[in-house]
Amino acid sequence: MLLTSSAAGVYVICPTPFTIDGRVDPASTDQMVEAFLKAGATGLTILGIMGEAPKLAADESLAFAKQVIATVAGRVPVIVGVSAAGFAGMSALSRKVMGAGAAGVMIAPPSALRTDDQIVSYYADAVEAIGPDVPFVIQDYPLVTNVVMTPKVILRIIEENPSCVMLKHEDWPGLDKITTLRRASADGQARRVSILTGNGGLFLPFEMERGADGAMTGYAYPEMLVGVVNLIKAGKRKEAHDLFDRHLPLVRYETQPNLGLAVRKYVLKRRGIIASDTLRKPGPKLSPETVADIDWLMERIERS
């Protein structure tokens, strides 16, 4: 199934599970996929920034992607992050994962881009590299990439590249950006694409109310993300915000720069979703005090 501009719901960002000695863990990978699908995921995204993709060798990335796609077995779309320093690697990985059954690919801009024209030209070159028949997602994450994409630039990329079907919106603050993009498509000024939001779900209820179609992020309780998205779509604003507020302290704790993935993997391990919370080096280690904080936050969520 190929990704389309009508994609919606929750595409869970999957971490890459490792064994204690740092090898990719196939058993935990299968277990994680099934857990996310059981939580209500409408899609999965792998090999993104939170998937430690830069720490994987090329053969590991491909093997992991093939395993996830095979485990999903067509039940939901799988998006593969193919961002790379050069177009040769991006092209090779895109071709192989699409051949294995991926629904589309996600591309983040390199940090060297500065002007609007440079950004637009980069995505045109990326489309040439992966092929115009491959659906792709713009990853707009300036807090990490240091590349600022205005709504005008995003609309140019969308209009000039028919294979662009989704924006992964992770700007912060960025609610008004969603509003601007949705007004442009509502007024007929631009083609409408799917908008899924990230940042650990930190602003999810408000992003949905501004016109997002769902979330593409990796909070360790993805069933909360699914619940909020479904409640907002059902017009149950109070219930959506109540559910979100119950999880907000842990969501906030997970979004700490540099520490977030370590927190998320620890919670996933505690929940029995992966066997180990190992990060590949370089990566942070949780202090005993931080672990105690997380345990307390989890107890509050699960008690209520």
C-alpha atoms as a PDB file:
ATOM      1  CA  MET A   1       0.000   0.000   0.000  1.00  0.00           C
ATOM      2  CA  LEU A   2       1.408   3.341  -1.055  1.00  0.00           C
ATOM      3  CA  LEU A   3       1.167   6.407   1.164  1.00  0.00           C
ATOM      4  CA  THR A   4      -1.368   9.022   0.042  1.00  0.00           C
ATOM      5  CA  SER A   5      -2.319  12.545   1.032  1.00  0.00           C
ATOM      6  CA  SER A   6      -5.334  11.156   2.898  1.00  0.00           C
ATOM      7  CA  ALA A   7      -3.176   9.443   5.537  1.00  0.00           C
ATOM      8  CA  ALA A   8      -4.468  10.055   9.067  1.00  0.00           C
ATOM      9  CA  GLY A   9      -4.444   8.691  12.595  1.00  0.00           C
ATOM     10  CA  VAL A  10      -1.295   7.793  14.507  1.00  0.00           C
ATOM     11  CA  TYR A  11       1.895   6.684  12.787  1.00  0.00           C
ATOM     12  CA  VAL A  12       4.028   5.554  15.687  1.00  0.00           C
ATOM     13  CA  ILE A  13       7.705   6.420  15.423  1.00  0.00           C
ATOM     14  CA  CYS A  14       9.507   3.180  16.236  1.00  0.00           C
ATOM     15  CA  PRO A  15      12.805   3.144  18.091  1.00  0.00           C
ATOM     16  CA  THR A  16      15.342   0.581  16.980  1.00  0.00           C
ATOM     17  CA  PRO A  17      15.581  -2.064  19.729  1.00  0.00           C
ATOM     18  CA  PHE A  18      19.078  -3.208  20.675  1.00  0.00           C
ATOM     19  CA  THR A  19      20.296  -6.029  22.841  1.00  0.00           C
ATOM     20  CA  ILE A  20      22.369  -5.196  25.927  1.00  0.00           C
ATOM     21  CA  ASP A  21      25.546  -5.572  23.861  1.00  0.00           C
ATOM     22  CA  GLY A  22      24.304  -3.171  21.164  1.00  0.00           C
ATOM     23  CA  ARG A  23      23.123  -5.520  18.411  1.00  0.00           C
ATOM     24  CA  VAL A  24      19.786  -4.960  16.672  1.00  0.00           C
ATOM     25  CA  ASP A  25      17.240  -7.139  18.496  1.00  0.00           C
ATOM     26  CA  PRO A  26      14.920  -9.002  16.052  1.00  0.00           C
ATOM     27  CA  ALA A  27      12.751 -10.540  18.785  1.00  0.00           C
ATOM     28  CA  SER A  28      12.070  -7.176  20.414  1.00  0.00           C
ATOM     29  CA  THR A  29      11.411  -5.676  16.987  1.00  0.00           C
ATOM     30  CA  ASP A  30       8.575  -8.125  16.310  1.00  0.00           C
ATOM     31  CA  GLN A  31       7.206  -7.653  19.824  1.00  0.00           C
ATOM     32  CA  MET A  32       7.297  -3.859  19.496  1.00  0.00           C
ATOM     33  CA  VAL A  33       5.503  -3.870  16.147  1.00  0.00           C
ATOM     34  CA  GLU A  34       2.699  -6.035  17.505  1.00  0.00           C
ATOM     35  CA  ALA A  35       2.362  -3.866  20.619  1.00  0.00           C
ATOM     36  CA  PHE A  36       2.057  -0.679  18.567  1.00  0.00           C
ATOM     37  CA  LEU A  37      -0.524  -2.222  16.264  1.00  0.00           C
ATOM     38  CA  LYS A  38      -2.495  -3.452  19.283  1.00  0.00           C
ATOM     39  CA  ALA A  39      -2.412   0.125  20.648  1.00  0.00           C
ATOM     40  CA  GLY A  40      -4.248   1.277  17.517  1.00  0.00           C
ATOM     41  CA  ALA A  41      -1.471   2.590  15.272  1.00  0.00           C
ATOM     42  CA  THR A  42      -2.673   3.334  11.747  1.00  0.00           C
ATOM     43  CA  GLY A  43       0.913   3.313  10.480  1.00  0.00           C
ATOM     44  CA  LEU A  44       4.532   2.932  11.581  1.00  0.00           C
ATOM     45  CA  THR A  45       7.580   5.064  10.845  1.00  0.00           C
ATOM     46  CA  ILE A  46      11.076   3.635  11.178  1.00  0.00           C
ATOM     47  CA  LEU A  47      14.687   4.806  10.837  1.00  0.00           C
ATOM     48  CA  GLY A  48      13.885   8.345  11.866  1.00  0.00           C
ATOM     49  CA  ILE A  49      15.855  10.592  14.186  1.00  0.00           C
ATOM     50  CA  MET A  50      14.443   8.767  17.227  1.00  0.00           C
ATOM     51  CA  GLY A  51      15.230   5.447  15.548  1.00  0.00           C
ATOM     52  CA  GLU A  52      18.983   6.098  15.888  1.00  0.00           C
ATOM     53  CA  ALA A  53      19.283   5.711  12.110  1.00  0.00           C
ATOM     54  CA  PRO A  54      22.692   7.446  11.883  1.00  0.00           C
ATOM     55  CA  LYS A  55      24.106   4.818  14.259  1.00  0.00           C
ATOM     56  CA  LEU A  56      23.141   1.909  12.010  1.00  0.00           C
ATOM     57  CA  ALA A  57      25.242   0.440   9.231  1.00  0.00           C
ATOM     58  CA  ALA A  58      23.590   0.387   5.801  1.00  0.00           C
ATOM     59  CA  ASP A  59      22.972  -3.364   5.933  1.00  0.00           C
ATOM     60  CA  GLU A  60      21.479  -3.069   9.424  1.00  0.00           C
ATOM     61  CA  SER A  61      19.089  -0.333   8.298  1.00  0.00           C
ATOM     62  CA  LEU A  62      17.867  -2.396   5.378  1.00  0.00           C
ATOM     63  CA  ALA A  63      17.511  -5.586   7.433  1.00  0.00           C
ATOM     64  CA  PHE A  64      15.574  -3.739  10.146  1.00  0.00           C
ATOM     65  CA  ALA A  65      13.264  -2.126   7.582  1.00  0.00           C
ATOM     66  CA  LYS A  66      12.595  -5.446   5.877  1.00  0.00           C
ATOM     67  CA  GLN A  67      11.814  -7.123   9.190  1.00  0.00           C
ATOM     68  CA  VAL A  68       9.331  -4.436  10.267  1.00  0.00           C
ATOM     69  CA  ILE A  69       7.630  -4.473   6.857  1.00  0.00           C
ATOM     70  CA  ALA A  70       7.407  -8.278   6.927  1.00  0.00           C
ATOM     71  CA  THR A  71       6.020  -8.310  10.471  1.00  0.00           C
ATOM     72  CA  VAL A  72       3.398  -5.706   9.623  1.00  0.00           C
ATOM     73  CA  ALA A  73       2.438  -7.859   6.627  1.00  0.00           C
ATOM     74  CA  GLY A  74       0.343  -5.161   4.963  1.00  0.00           C
ATOM     75  CA  ARG A  75      -1.830  -4.387   7.975  1.00  0.00           C
ATOM     76  CA  VAL A  76      -0.759  -0.720   8.079  1.00  0.00           C
ATOM     77  CA  PRO A  77       1.566   1.465   5.972  1.00  0.00           C
ATOM     78  CA  VAL A  78       5.247   1.633   6.920  1.00  0.00           C
ATOM     79  CA  ILE A  79       7.224   4.834   6.254  1.00  0.00           C
ATOM     80  CA  VAL A  80      11.007   4.592   6.189  1.00  0.00           C
ATOM     81  CA  GLY A  81      13.330   7.477   6.982  1.00  0.00           C
ATOM     82  CA  VAL A  82      15.924   7.735   4.209  1.00  0.00           C
ATOM     83  CA  SER A  83      17.622  11.017   5.101  1.00  0.00           C
ATOM     84  CA  ALA A  84      21.298  10.801   4.248  1.00  0.00           C
ATOM     85  CA  ALA A  85      24.356  12.960   3.736  1.00  0.00           C
ATOM     86  CA  GLY A  86      24.283  12.265  -0.003  1.00  0.00           C
ATOM     87  CA  PHE A  87      21.709  11.297  -2.592  1.00  0.00           C
ATOM     88  CA  ALA A  88      23.397   8.023  -3.519  1.00  0.00           C
ATOM     89  CA  GLY A  89      22.649   6.477  -0.121  1.00  0.00           C
ATOM     90  CA  MET A  90      19.148   7.951  -0.082  1.00  0.00           C
ATOM     91  CA  SER A  91      18.415   6.555  -3.546  1.00  0.00           C
ATOM     92  CA  ALA A  92      19.729   3.075  -2.743  1.00  0.00           C
ATOM     93  CA  LEU A  93      17.833   2.716   0.537  1.00  0.00           C
ATOM     94  CA  SER A  94      14.620   4.128  -0.954  1.00  0.00           C
ATOM     95  CA  ARG A  95      14.717   1.704  -3.868  1.00  0.00           C
ATOM     96  CA  LYS A  96      15.318  -1.284  -1.611  1.00  0.00           C
ATOM     97  CA  VAL A  97      12.692  -0.506   1.042  1.00  0.00           C
ATOM     98  CA  MET A  98      10.056   0.365  -1.536  1.00  0.00           C
ATOM     99  CA  GLY A  99      10.831  -2.932  -3.224  1.00  0.00           C
ATOM    100  CA  ALA A 100      10.312  -4.655   0.134  1.00  0.00           C
ATOM    101  CA  GLY A 101       6.860  -3.115   0.550  1.00  0.00           C
ATOM    102  CA  ALA A 102       7.307   0.260   2.260  1.00  0.00           C
ATOM    103  CA  ALA A 103       4.491   2.759   1.741  1.00  0.00           C
ATOM    104  CA  GLY A 104       6.759   5.769   1.332  1.00  0.00           C
ATOM    105  CA  VAL A 105       9.865   7.503   2.620  1.00  0.00           C
ATOM    106  CA  MET A 106      10.596  10.464   4.885  1.00  0.00           C
ATOM    107  CA  ILE A 107      13.242  13.067   4.097  1.00  0.00           C
ATOM    108  CA  ALA A 108      14.677  15.701   6.435  1.00  0.00           C
ATOM    109  CA  PRO A 109      16.675  18.601   4.992  1.00  0.00           C
ATOM    110  CA  PRO A 110      20.419  18.751   5.734  1.00  0.00           C
ATOM    111  CA  SER A 111      21.527  21.427   8.159  1.00  0.00           C
ATOM    112  CA  ALA A 112      23.600  23.303   5.551  1.00  0.00           C
ATOM    113  CA  LEU A 113      20.503  24.656   3.809  1.00  0.00           C
ATOM    114  CA  ARG A 114      19.793  28.299   4.576  1.00  0.00           C
ATOM    115  CA  THR A 115      17.743  30.042   1.887  1.00  0.00           C
ATOM    116  CA  ASP A 116      14.248  29.234   0.677  1.00  0.00           C
ATOM    117  CA  ASP A 117      15.503  28.444  -2.815  1.00  0.00           C
ATOM    118  CA  GLN A 118      18.133  26.067  -1.438  1.00  0.00           C
ATOM    119  CA  ILE A 119      15.486  24.153   0.493  1.00  0.00           C
ATOM    120  CA  VAL A 120      13.124  23.890  -2.473  1.00  0.00           C
ATOM    121  CA  SER A 121      15.954  22.831  -4.784  1.00  0.00           C
ATOM    122  CA  TYR A 122      17.094  20.198  -2.312  1.00  0.00           C
ATOM    123  CA  TYR A 123      13.713  18.488  -2.312  1.00  0.00           C
ATOM    124  CA  ALA A 124      13.575  18.614  -6.115  1.00  0.00           C
ATOM    125  CA  ASP A 125      16.956  16.864  -6.209  1.00  0.00           C
ATOM    126  CA  ALA A 126      15.791  14.357  -3.596  1.00  0.00           C
ATOM    127  CA  VAL A 127      12.749  13.483  -5.704  1.00  0.00           C
ATOM    128  CA  GLU A 128      15.014  12.967  -8.691  1.00  0.00           C
ATOM    129  CA  ALA A 129      17.167  10.646  -6.574  1.00  0.00           C
ATOM    130  CA  ILE A 130      14.398   8.475  -5.146  1.00  0.00           C
ATOM    131  CA  GLY A 131      12.154   8.616  -8.205  1.00  0.00           C
ATOM    132  CA  PRO A 132       8.976  10.622  -8.821  1.00  0.00           C
ATOM    133  CA  ASP A 133       6.814   7.546  -8.209  1.00  0.00           C
ATOM    134  CA  VAL A 134       7.913   7.214  -4.545  1.00  0.00           C
ATOM    135  CA  PRO A 135       5.570   8.986  -2.091  1.00  0.00           C
ATOM    136  CA  PHE A 136       7.552  11.099   0.344  1.00  0.00           C
ATOM    137  CA  VAL A 137       7.124  12.974   3.605  1.00  0.00           C
ATOM    138  CA  ILE A 138       8.714  16.349   4.369  1.00  0.00           C
ATOM    139  CA  GLN A 139      10.197  16.249   7.845  1.00  0.00           C
ATOM    140  CA  ASP A 140      10.038  19.774   9.242  1.00  0.00           C
ATOM    141  CA  TYR A 141      12.049  19.589  12.475  1.00  0.00           C
ATOM    142  CA  PRO A 142      14.030  22.838  12.804  1.00  0.00           C
ATOM    143  CA  LEU A 143      14.899  22.205  16.452  1.00  0.00           C
ATOM    144  CA  VAL A 144      17.174  19.378  15.268  1.00  0.00           C
ATOM    145  CA  THR A 145      17.984  20.168  11.617  1.00  0.00           C
ATOM    146  CA  ASN A 146      18.388  23.943  12.119  1.00  0.00           C
ATOM    147  CA  VAL A 147      16.560  24.398   8.812  1.00  0.00           C
ATOM    148  CA  VAL A 148      13.600  26.763   9.047  1.00  0.00           C
ATOM    149  CA  MET A 149      10.864  26.089   6.502  1.00  0.00           C
ATOM    150  CA  THR A 150       8.190  28.746   6.282  1.00  0.00           C
ATOM    151  CA  PRO A 151       4.673  27.831   5.145  1.00  0.00           C
ATOM    152  CA  LYS A 152       5.499  29.470   1.799  1.00  0.00           C
ATOM    153  CA  VAL A 153       8.484  27.149   1.298  1.00  0.00           C
ATOM    154  CA  ILE A 154       6.499  24.066   2.286  1.00  0.00           C
ATOM    155  CA  LEU A 155       3.732  25.002  -0.153  1.00  0.00           C
ATOM    156  CA  ARG A 156       6.307  25.432  -2.923  1.00  0.00           C
ATOM    157  CA  ILE A 157       7.722  21.957  -2.264  1.00  0.00           C
ATOM    158  CA  ILE A 158       4.225  20.469  -2.286  1.00  0.00           C
ATOM    159  CA  GLU A 159       3.195  22.194  -5.504  1.00  0.00           C
ATOM    160  CA  GLU A 160       6.409  21.431  -7.373  1.00  0.00           C
ATOM    161  CA  ASN A 161       6.541  17.756  -6.347  1.00  0.00           C
ATOM    162  CA  PRO A 162       3.341  15.716  -6.858  1.00  0.00           C
ATOM    163  CA  SER A 163       4.902  12.793  -4.986  1.00  0.00           C
ATOM    164  CA  CYS A 164       4.924  14.827  -1.771  1.00  0.00           C
ATOM    165  CA  VAL A 165       1.942  13.504   0.162  1.00  0.00           C
ATOM    166  CA  MET A 166       2.644  14.422   3.784  1.00  0.00           C
ATOM    167  CA  LEU A 167       4.224  16.957   6.097  1.00  0.00           C
ATOM    168  CA  LYS A 168       5.637  15.734   9.374  1.00  0.00           C
ATOM    169  CA  HIS A 169       5.221  18.909  11.380  1.00  0.00           C
ATOM    170  CA  GLU A 170       7.641  19.335  14.285  1.00  0.00           C
ATOM    171  CA  ASP A 171       8.149  23.076  14.400  1.00  0.00           C
ATOM    172  CA  TRP A 172       7.890  24.650  17.835  1.00  0.00           C
ATOM    173  CA  PRO A 173       6.070  26.954  18.199  1.00  0.00           C
ATOM    174  CA  GLY A 174       4.181  25.782  15.151  1.00  0.00           C
ATOM    175  CA  LEU A 175       0.434  25.879  15.704  1.00  0.00           C
ATOM    176  CA  ASP A 176       0.014  28.928  13.495  1.00  0.00           C
ATOM    177  CA  LYS A 177       1.999  27.193  10.747  1.00  0.00           C
ATOM    178  CA  ILE A 178      -0.602  24.413  10.676  1.00  0.00           C
ATOM    179  CA  THR A 179      -3.381  27.007  10.501  1.00  0.00           C
ATOM    180  CA  THR A 180      -1.680  28.817   7.615  1.00  0.00           C
ATOM    181  CA  LEU A 181      -1.156  25.625   5.618  1.00  0.00           C
ATOM    182  CA  ARG A 182      -4.722  24.462   6.138  1.00  0.00           C
ATOM    183  CA  ARG A 183      -6.139  27.847   5.130  1.00  0.00           C
ATOM    184  CA  ALA A 184      -4.072  27.758   1.960  1.00  0.00           C
ATOM    185  CA  SER A 185      -5.505  24.411   0.922  1.00  0.00           C
ATOM    186  CA  ALA A 186      -9.049  25.358   1.999  1.00  0.00           C
ATOM    187  CA  ASP A 187      -8.847  28.513  -0.126  1.00  0.00           C
ATOM    188  CA  GLY A 188      -7.668  26.536  -3.143  1.00  0.00           C
ATOM    189  CA  GLN A 189      -4.202  28.081  -3.084  1.00  0.00           C
ATOM    190  CA  ALA A 190      -2.431  24.760  -2.663  1.00  0.00           C
ATOM    191  CA  ARG A 191      -2.903  21.019  -2.877  1.00  0.00           C
ATOM    192  CA  ARG A 192      -3.944  19.468   0.428  1.00  0.00           C
ATOM    193  CA  VAL A 193      -1.534  16.954   1.929  1.00  0.00           C
ATOM    194  CA  SER A 194      -1.651  15.008   5.158  1.00  0.00           C
ATOM    195  CA  ILE A 195      -0.192  16.736   8.208  1.00  0.00           C
ATOM    196  CA  LEU A 196       0.974  14.516  11.048  1.00  0.00           C
ATOM    197  CA  THR A 197       2.668  16.064  14.057  1.00  0.00           C
ATOM    198  CA  GLY A 198       5.642  15.115  16.206  1.00  0.00           C
ATOM    199  CA  ASN A 199       7.487  16.588  19.210  1.00  0.00           C
ATOM    200  CA  GLY A 200       6.458  13.665  21.379  1.00  0.00           C
ATOM    201  CA  GLY A 201       2.813  14.708  21.122  1.00  0.00           C
ATOM    202  CA  LEU A 202       3.472  17.703  23.378  1.00  0.00           C
ATOM    203  CA  PHE A 203       0.874  19.877  21.621  1.00  0.00           C
ATOM    204  CA  LEU A 204      -1.273  17.149  20.052  1.00  0.00           C
ATOM    205  CA  PRO A 205      -4.801  18.217  21.083  1.00  0.00           C
ATOM    206  CA  PHE A 206      -4.247  21.760  19.874  1.00  0.00           C
ATOM    207  CA  GLU A 207      -2.530  20.565  16.690  1.00  0.00           C
ATOM    208  CA  MET A 208      -5.560  18.414  15.892  1.00  0.00           C
ATOM    209  CA  GLU A 209      -7.830  21.397  16.473  1.00  0.00           C
ATOM    210  CA  ARG A 210      -5.733  23.450  14.050  1.00  0.00           C
ATOM    211  CA  GLY A 211      -6.254  20.910  11.270  1.00  0.00           C
ATOM    212  CA  ALA A 212      -3.635  18.183  11.682  1.00  0.00           C
ATOM    213  CA  ASP A 213      -4.710  14.727  10.553  1.00  0.00           C
ATOM    214  CA  GLY A 214      -3.014  12.930  13.414  1.00  0.00           C
ATOM    215  CA  ALA A 215       0.357  12.273  14.991  1.00  0.00           C
ATOM    216  CA  MET A 216       3.658  10.811  13.880  1.00  0.00           C
ATOM    217  CA  THR A 217       5.623  10.543  17.071  1.00  0.00           C
ATOM    218  CA  GLY A 218       6.900   8.023  19.572  1.00  0.00           C
ATOM    219  CA  TYR A 219       5.472   8.571  23.023  1.00  0.00           C
ATOM    220  CA  ALA A 220       5.851   5.387  25.072  1.00  0.00           C
ATOM    221  CA  TYR A 221       2.064   5.115  25.621  1.00  0.00           C
ATOM    222  CA  PRO A 222       0.894   5.281  21.990  1.00  0.00           C
ATOM    223  CA  GLU A 223      -2.619   4.318  23.038  1.00  0.00           C
ATOM    224  CA  MET A 224      -2.904   7.818  24.527  1.00  0.00           C
ATOM    225  CA  LEU A 225      -2.034   9.379  21.169  1.00  0.00           C
ATOM    226  CA  VAL A 226      -4.623   7.185  19.460  1.00  0.00           C
ATOM    227  CA  GLY A 227      -7.233   8.082  22.060  1.00  0.00           C
ATOM    228  CA  VAL A 228      -6.659  11.825  21.770  1.00  0.00           C
ATOM    229  CA  VAL A 229      -6.805  11.760  17.974  1.00  0.00           C
ATOM    230  CA  ASN A 230     -10.011   9.718  17.967  1.00  0.00           C
ATOM    231  CA  LEU A 231     -11.684  11.843  20.647  1.00  0.00           C
ATOM    232  CA  ILE A 232     -10.898  15.107  18.852  1.00  0.00           C
ATOM    233  CA  LYS A 233     -12.260  13.677  15.602  1.00  0.00           C
ATOM    234  CA  ALA A 234     -15.411  12.656  17.459  1.00  0.00           C
ATOM    235  CA  GLY A 235     -15.873  16.213  18.737  1.00  0.00           C
ATOM    236  CA  LYS A 236     -15.145  15.255  22.337  1.00  0.00           C
ATOM    237  CA  ARG A 237     -12.757  18.061  23.177  1.00  0.00           C
ATOM    238  CA  LYS A 238     -12.958  17.874  26.977  1.00  0.00           C
ATOM    239  CA  GLU A 239     -12.414  14.121  27.042  1.00  0.00           C
ATOM    240  CA  ALA A 240      -9.458  14.438  24.658  1.00  0.00           C
ATOM    241  CA  HIS A 241      -7.767  17.097  26.767  1.00  0.00           C
ATOM    242  CA  ASP A 242      -8.484  15.184  29.990  1.00  0.00           C
ATOM    243  CA  LEU A 243      -6.810  12.081  28.578  1.00  0.00           C
ATOM    244  CA  PHE A 244      -3.871  14.118  27.319  1.00  0.00           C
ATOM    245  CA  ASP A 245      -3.460  15.970  30.618  1.00  0.00           C
ATOM    246  CA  ARG A 246      -3.165  12.693  32.495  1.00  0.00           C
ATOM    247  CA  HIS A 247      -0.082  11.853  30.438  1.00  0.00           C
ATOM    248  CA  LEU A 248       1.338  15.355  30.073  1.00  0.00           C
ATOM    249  CA  PRO A 249       3.944  15.130  32.884  1.00  0.00           C
ATOM    250  CA  LEU A 250       5.556  12.084  31.252  1.00  0.00           C
ATOM    251  CA  VAL A 251       5.175  13.549  27.753  1.00  0.00           C
ATOM    252  CA  ARG A 252       7.036  16.629  28.978  1.00  0.00           C
ATOM    253  CA  TYR A 253       9.712  14.509  30.671  1.00  0.00           C
ATOM    254  CA  GLU A 254      10.206  12.552  27.427  1.00  0.00           C
ATOM    255  CA  THR A 255      10.743  15.691  25.372  1.00  0.00           C
ATOM    256  CA  GLN A 256      13.897  16.764  27.196  1.00  0.00           C
ATOM    257  CA  PRO A 257      16.663  17.413  24.635  1.00  0.00           C
ATOM    258  CA  ASN A 258      19.238  14.612  24.370  1.00  0.00           C
ATOM    259  CA  LEU A 259      17.573  12.552  27.124  1.00  0.00           C
ATOM    260  CA  GLY A 260      14.199  11.852  25.509  1.00  0.00           C
ATOM    261  CA  LEU A 261      14.963   8.618  23.692  1.00  0.00           C
ATOM    262  CA  ALA A 262      16.604   7.124  26.763  1.00  0.00           C
ATOM    263  CA  VAL A 263      13.465   7.910  28.763  1.00  0.00           C
ATOM    264  CA  ARG A 264      11.209   6.484  26.068  1.00  0.00           C
ATOM    265  CA  LYS A 265      13.165   3.261  25.742  1.00  0.00           C
ATOM    266  CA  TYR A 266      13.194   2.806  29.510  1.00  0.00           C
ATOM    267  CA  VAL A 267       9.392   3.134  29.652  1.00  0.00           C
ATOM    268  CA  LEU A 268       8.976   0.747  26.717  1.00  0.00           C
ATOM    269  CA  LYS A 269      11.165  -1.772  28.530  1.00  0.00           C
ATOM    270  CA  ARG A 270       9.212  -1.339  31.767  1.00  0.00           C
ATOM    271  CA  ARG A 271       6.008  -1.970  29.807  1.00  0.00           C
ATOM    272  CA  GLY A 272       7.414  -5.184  28.319  1.00  0.00           C
ATOM    273  CA  ILE A 273       7.410  -3.842  24.762  1.00  0.00           C
ATOM    274  CA  ILE A 274      11.177  -4.168  24.242  1.00  0.00           C
ATOM    275  CA  ALA A 275      13.662  -6.293  26.178  1.00  0.00           C
ATOM    276  CA  SER A 276      16.381  -3.701  26.688  1.00  0.00           C
ATOM    277  CA  ASP A 277      16.552   0.085  26.864  1.00  0.00           C
ATOM    278  CA  THR A 278      20.043   0.126  25.350  1.00  0.00           C
ATOM    279  CA  LEU A 279      21.017   3.082  23.170  1.00  0.00           C
ATOM    280  CA  ARG A 280      23.960   2.838  20.830  1.00  0.00           C
ATOM    281  CA  LYS A 281      26.878   5.041  21.749  1.00  0.00           C
ATOM    282  CA  PRO A 282      27.106   7.954  21.866  1.00  0.00           C
ATOM    283  CA  GLY A 283      24.026   8.277  23.991  1.00  0.00           C
ATOM    284  CA  PRO A 284      22.950   9.301  27.476  1.00  0.00           C
ATOM    285  CA  LYS A 285      22.506   7.012  30.460  1.00  0.00           C
ATOM    286  CA  LEU A 286      19.746   7.538  32.977  1.00  0.00           C
ATOM    287  CA  SER A 287      20.813   8.345  36.521  1.00  0.00           C
ATOM    288  CA  PRO A 288      19.154   6.519  39.434  1.00  0.00           C
ATOM    289  CA  GLU A 289      17.345   9.748  40.296  1.00  0.00           C
ATOM    290  CA  THR A 290      15.970  10.063  36.767  1.00  0.00           C
ATOM    291  CA  VAL A 291      14.828   6.445  36.812  1.00  0.00           C
ATOM    292  CA  ALA A 292      12.999   7.122  40.079  1.00  0.00           C
ATOM    293  CA  ASP A 293      11.271  10.132  38.487  1.00  0.00           C
ATOM    294  CA  ILE A 294      10.099   8.039  35.534  1.00  0.00           C
ATOM    295  CA  ASP A 295       8.877   5.193  37.730  1.00  0.00           C
ATOM    296  CA  TRP A 296       6.808   7.660  39.749  1.00  0.00           C
ATOM    297  CA  LEU A 297       5.340   9.245  36.614  1.00  0.00           C
ATOM    298  CA  MET A 298       4.397   5.815  35.249  1.00  0.00           C
ATOM    299  CA  GLU A 299       2.752   4.850  38.525  1.00  0.00           C
ATOM    300  CA  ARG A 300       0.624   8.016  38.453  1.00  0.00           C
ATOM    301  CA  ILE A 301      -0.539   7.257  34.892  1.00  0.00           C
ATOM    302  CA  GLU A 302      -1.332   3.636  35.519  1.00  0.00           C
ATOM    303  CA  ARG A 303      -2.959   4.245  38.895  1.00  0.00           C
ATOM    304  CA  SER A 304      -5.483   6.602  37.329  1.00  0.00           C
END
